[in-house]
Amino acid sequence: MNELEKMKAGLWYDANYNVEILQLRVNAMSLLHELNQTPPAEEEKRQEILKKLLGYLPDGLAVMPPFTCDYGKYIEIGNSVFINSYCYLMDGGGITIGDHTFIGPYCGLYTAAHPLSYKWRDQGLEKALPVKIGSHCWLGANVSVMPGVTIGDGCVIAAGAVVTKDIPDNSLAAGVPARVIRTIDQDAPPED
């Protein structure tokens, strides 16, 4: 099994010295540089670059610059998704974002974990575990989602939360580490 296959399988792999993996990241960085340097008024060009980066283009995708990811092609985004400025999607383990989801500024979705022992960490080992964000979610500013976490449909994650464990559907979660504060009644009128 090569290093890229190990990465996709959630096994320990060489993230820092493998030529194939490094080249994939350089390719993504080149597209990201082009995307982030393209003026917002040139939306058609920005959408073309996003299509190259992701390998497809969801309907209604809005990505505010600057935007960063590791590979791009390991991100699955639904329709009508909004990703605000300064977001980082570390997509080695795969990231899924459902339809009609808002991601606030400075959010990070992280799939990579490193060994606690520096003996192994210094060798460039990491393990990539998938992150899944459901449909109709809202991640406030500065939310961090850790490797292997699933956030259910209809969730709101409060600004500054660090999500280390799965969050069930229709939950309001907040804190460091994030915990469920209450269940959201999706039929209730907007709150003041």
Protein backbone atom coordinates (compact mmCIF):
# COMPACT_ATOMS: atom_id res chain seq x y z
CA MET A 1 0.00 0.00 0.00
CA ASN A 2 1.50 3.36 -0.98
CA GLU A 3 1.43 6.48 1.23
CA LEU A 4 -1.56 8.06 -0.55
CA GLU A 5 -3.57 4.84 -0.12
CA LYS A 6 -2.63 4.78 3.56
CA MET A 7 -3.81 8.39 3.91
CA LYS A 8 -7.18 7.61 2.35
CA ALA A 9 -7.53 4.48 4.53
CA GLY A 10 -6.99 6.39 7.80
CA LEU A 11 -3.66 4.70 8.51
CA TRP A 12 -0.36 6.26 9.59
CA TYR A 13 1.40 7.62 6.50
CA ASP A 14 4.32 9.85 5.51
CA ALA A 15 2.75 13.29 5.13
CA ASN A 16 5.91 15.37 4.87
CA TYR A 17 8.38 13.52 2.68
CA ASN A 18 6.33 11.52 0.17
CA VAL A 19 6.83 13.02 -3.32
CA GLU A 20 3.35 12.12 -4.63
CA ILE A 21 1.55 13.67 -1.65
CA LEU A 22 3.75 16.77 -1.70
CA GLN A 23 3.06 17.29 -5.41
CA LEU A 24 -0.70 17.06 -4.86
CA ARG A 25 -0.42 19.78 -2.19
CA VAL A 26 1.74 21.99 -4.44
CA ASN A 27 -0.85 21.65 -7.23
CA ALA A 28 -3.61 22.70 -4.82
CA MET A 29 -1.53 25.61 -3.49
CA SER A 30 -1.02 26.90 -7.03
CA LEU A 31 -4.77 26.87 -7.69
CA LEU A 32 -5.44 28.46 -4.29
CA HIS A 33 -2.95 31.22 -5.02
CA GLU A 34 -4.72 31.92 -8.31
CA LEU A 35 -8.15 31.81 -6.61
CA ASN A 36 -7.14 34.11 -3.78
CA GLN A 37 -5.54 36.62 -6.17
CA THR A 38 -8.55 36.78 -8.50
CA PRO A 39 -10.69 39.87 -7.80
CA PRO A 40 -14.13 39.14 -6.31
CA ALA A 41 -15.75 40.92 -9.29
CA GLU A 42 -14.37 38.18 -11.56
CA GLU A 43 -16.79 35.58 -10.20
CA GLU A 44 -16.87 33.46 -13.36
CA LYS A 45 -13.08 33.04 -13.26
CA ARG A 46 -13.21 32.26 -9.53
CA GLN A 47 -15.81 29.55 -10.17
CA GLU A 48 -13.60 28.02 -12.91
CA ILE A 49 -10.66 27.85 -10.50
CA LEU A 50 -12.85 26.28 -7.79
CA LYS A 51 -13.98 23.67 -10.32
CA LYS A 52 -10.33 22.81 -11.09
CA LEU A 53 -9.51 22.64 -7.38
CA LEU A 54 -12.48 20.48 -6.34
CA GLY A 55 -12.94 18.53 -9.58
CA TYR A 56 -16.60 19.67 -9.77
CA LEU A 57 -18.66 22.76 -8.94
CA PRO A 58 -21.68 22.58 -6.62
CA ASP A 59 -24.63 24.86 -7.38
CA GLY A 60 -24.65 28.05 -5.35
CA LEU A 61 -21.18 27.63 -3.82
CA ALA A 62 -19.76 30.87 -2.42
CA VAL A 63 -16.17 30.90 -1.14
CA MET A 64 -14.85 34.20 0.21
CA PRO A 65 -11.13 34.85 -0.17
CA PRO A 66 -8.72 33.99 1.17
CA PHE A 67 -9.43 30.27 1.27
CA THR A 68 -7.01 27.43 2.00
CA CYS A 69 -7.09 23.64 1.80
CA ASP A 70 -4.51 20.88 1.36
CA TYR A 71 -5.76 19.03 -1.72
CA GLY A 72 -9.21 20.29 -2.73
CA LYS A 73 -10.18 17.08 -4.46
CA TYR A 74 -10.93 15.39 -1.13
CA ILE A 75 -13.66 17.91 -0.27
CA GLU A 76 -17.30 17.06 -1.06
CA ILE A 77 -19.51 20.15 -0.87
CA GLY A 78 -23.30 20.19 -1.28
CA ASN A 79 -25.35 22.89 -2.95
CA SER A 80 -25.89 26.43 -1.63
CA VAL A 81 -22.89 26.36 0.72
CA PHE A 82 -21.25 29.56 1.97
CA ILE A 83 -17.63 29.51 3.20
CA ASN A 84 -16.47 32.81 4.69
CA SER A 85 -12.98 34.36 4.64
CA TYR A 86 -9.86 32.77 6.11
CA CYS A 87 -11.19 29.22 6.32
CA TYR A 88 -8.83 26.25 6.18
CA LEU A 89 -10.04 22.80 5.14
CA MET A 90 -7.34 20.22 5.90
CA ASP A 91 -8.86 17.59 3.63
CA GLY A 92 -6.40 14.67 3.63
CA GLY A 93 -8.93 12.42 5.37
CA GLY A 94 -11.85 13.75 3.33
CA ILE A 95 -14.28 16.50 4.25
CA THR A 96 -18.01 16.41 3.50
CA ILE A 97 -20.17 19.53 3.83
CA GLY A 98 -23.94 19.18 3.32
CA ASP A 99 -26.36 21.43 1.45
CA HIS A 100 -27.27 24.90 2.75
CA THR A 101 -24.43 25.06 5.27
CA PHE A 102 -22.76 28.30 6.38
CA ILE A 103 -19.17 28.27 7.59
CA GLY A 104 -18.09 31.44 9.39
CA PRO A 105 -14.75 33.24 9.05
CA TYR A 106 -11.55 31.73 10.41
CA CYS A 107 -13.00 28.22 10.73
CA GLY A 108 -10.79 25.15 10.47
CA LEU A 109 -11.86 21.64 9.57
CA TYR A 110 -8.91 19.41 10.45
CA THR A 111 -8.56 15.77 9.39
CA ALA A 112 -4.91 15.20 10.35
CA ALA A 113 -3.68 13.82 13.65
CA HIS A 114 -0.05 13.35 14.62
CA PRO A 115 1.61 10.87 17.01
CA LEU A 116 2.05 12.12 20.58
CA SER A 117 5.60 10.75 20.65
CA TYR A 118 8.04 13.03 18.86
CA LYS A 119 10.04 9.95 17.83
CA TRP A 120 7.30 9.17 15.28
CA ARG A 121 6.04 12.72 14.73
CA ASP A 122 9.53 13.85 13.66
CA GLN A 123 9.39 11.25 10.88
CA GLY A 124 6.45 13.09 9.33
CA LEU A 125 3.82 10.53 10.30
CA GLU A 126 0.18 11.53 10.45
CA LYS A 127 -3.21 9.89 10.30
CA ALA A 128 -6.11 11.49 8.42
CA LEU A 129 -9.67 10.87 9.63
CA PRO A 130 -12.76 12.23 7.84
CA VAL A 131 -14.76 15.25 8.96
CA LYS A 132 -18.47 15.41 8.08
CA ILE A 133 -20.69 18.46 8.42
CA GLY A 134 -24.40 17.88 7.78
CA SER A 135 -26.88 19.91 5.78
CA HIS A 136 -28.45 23.14 7.07
CA CYS A 137 -25.64 23.77 9.57
CA TRP A 138 -24.05 27.02 10.72
CA LEU A 139 -20.52 27.10 12.10
CA GLY A 140 -19.84 30.46 13.75
CA ALA A 141 -16.54 32.32 13.49
CA ASN A 142 -13.35 30.58 14.65
CA VAL A 143 -14.87 27.10 15.01
CA SER A 144 -12.35 24.25 14.92
CA VAL A 145 -13.52 20.73 14.02
CA MET A 146 -11.09 17.95 14.92
CA PRO A 147 -10.25 14.72 13.01
CA GLY A 148 -12.95 12.07 12.76
CA VAL A 149 -15.83 14.31 13.91
CA THR A 150 -19.33 14.23 12.41
CA ILE A 151 -21.71 17.16 12.94
CA GLY A 152 -25.31 16.21 12.23
CA ASP A 153 -27.90 18.02 10.11
CA GLY A 154 -29.42 21.27 11.36
CA CYS A 155 -26.69 22.05 13.88
CA VAL A 156 -25.38 25.42 15.04
CA ILE A 157 -21.85 25.49 16.44
CA ALA A 158 -21.17 28.65 18.45
CA ALA A 159 -18.24 30.91 17.63
CA GLY A 160 -14.93 29.78 19.06
CA ALA A 161 -16.04 26.20 19.75
CA VAL A 162 -13.58 23.33 19.43
CA VAL A 163 -15.52 20.24 18.31
CA THR A 164 -13.75 17.07 19.45
CA LYS A 165 -16.71 14.65 19.47
CA ASP A 166 -19.70 13.95 17.21
CA ILE A 167 -22.65 16.33 17.51
CA PRO A 168 -26.18 14.90 16.96
CA ASP A 169 -28.70 16.41 14.51
CA ASN A 170 -30.41 19.69 15.44
CA SER A 171 -28.01 20.59 18.25
CA LEU A 172 -26.67 23.91 19.48
CA ALA A 173 -23.12 23.26 20.67
CA ALA A 174 -20.61 25.63 22.25
CA GLY A 175 -17.41 25.69 24.27
CA VAL A 176 -13.93 24.24 24.45
CA PRO A 177 -14.35 21.37 24.08
CA ALA A 178 -17.77 21.83 22.47
CA ARG A 179 -20.75 20.33 24.22
CA VAL A 180 -24.42 20.26 23.28
CA ILE A 181 -26.27 23.15 24.96
CA ARG A 182 -29.75 22.25 23.71
CA THR A 183 -31.76 20.76 20.88
CA ILE A 184 -32.92 23.17 18.19
CA ASP A 185 -36.65 23.18 17.34
CA GLN A 186 -36.49 23.71 13.58
CA ASP A 187 -40.16 24.80 13.49
CA ALA A 188 -39.80 27.53 16.15
CA PRO A 189 -39.89 31.18 14.99
CA PRO A 190 -36.58 33.13 14.92
CA GLU A 191 -35.35 34.27 18.34
CA ASP A 192 -34.71 37.93 19.20
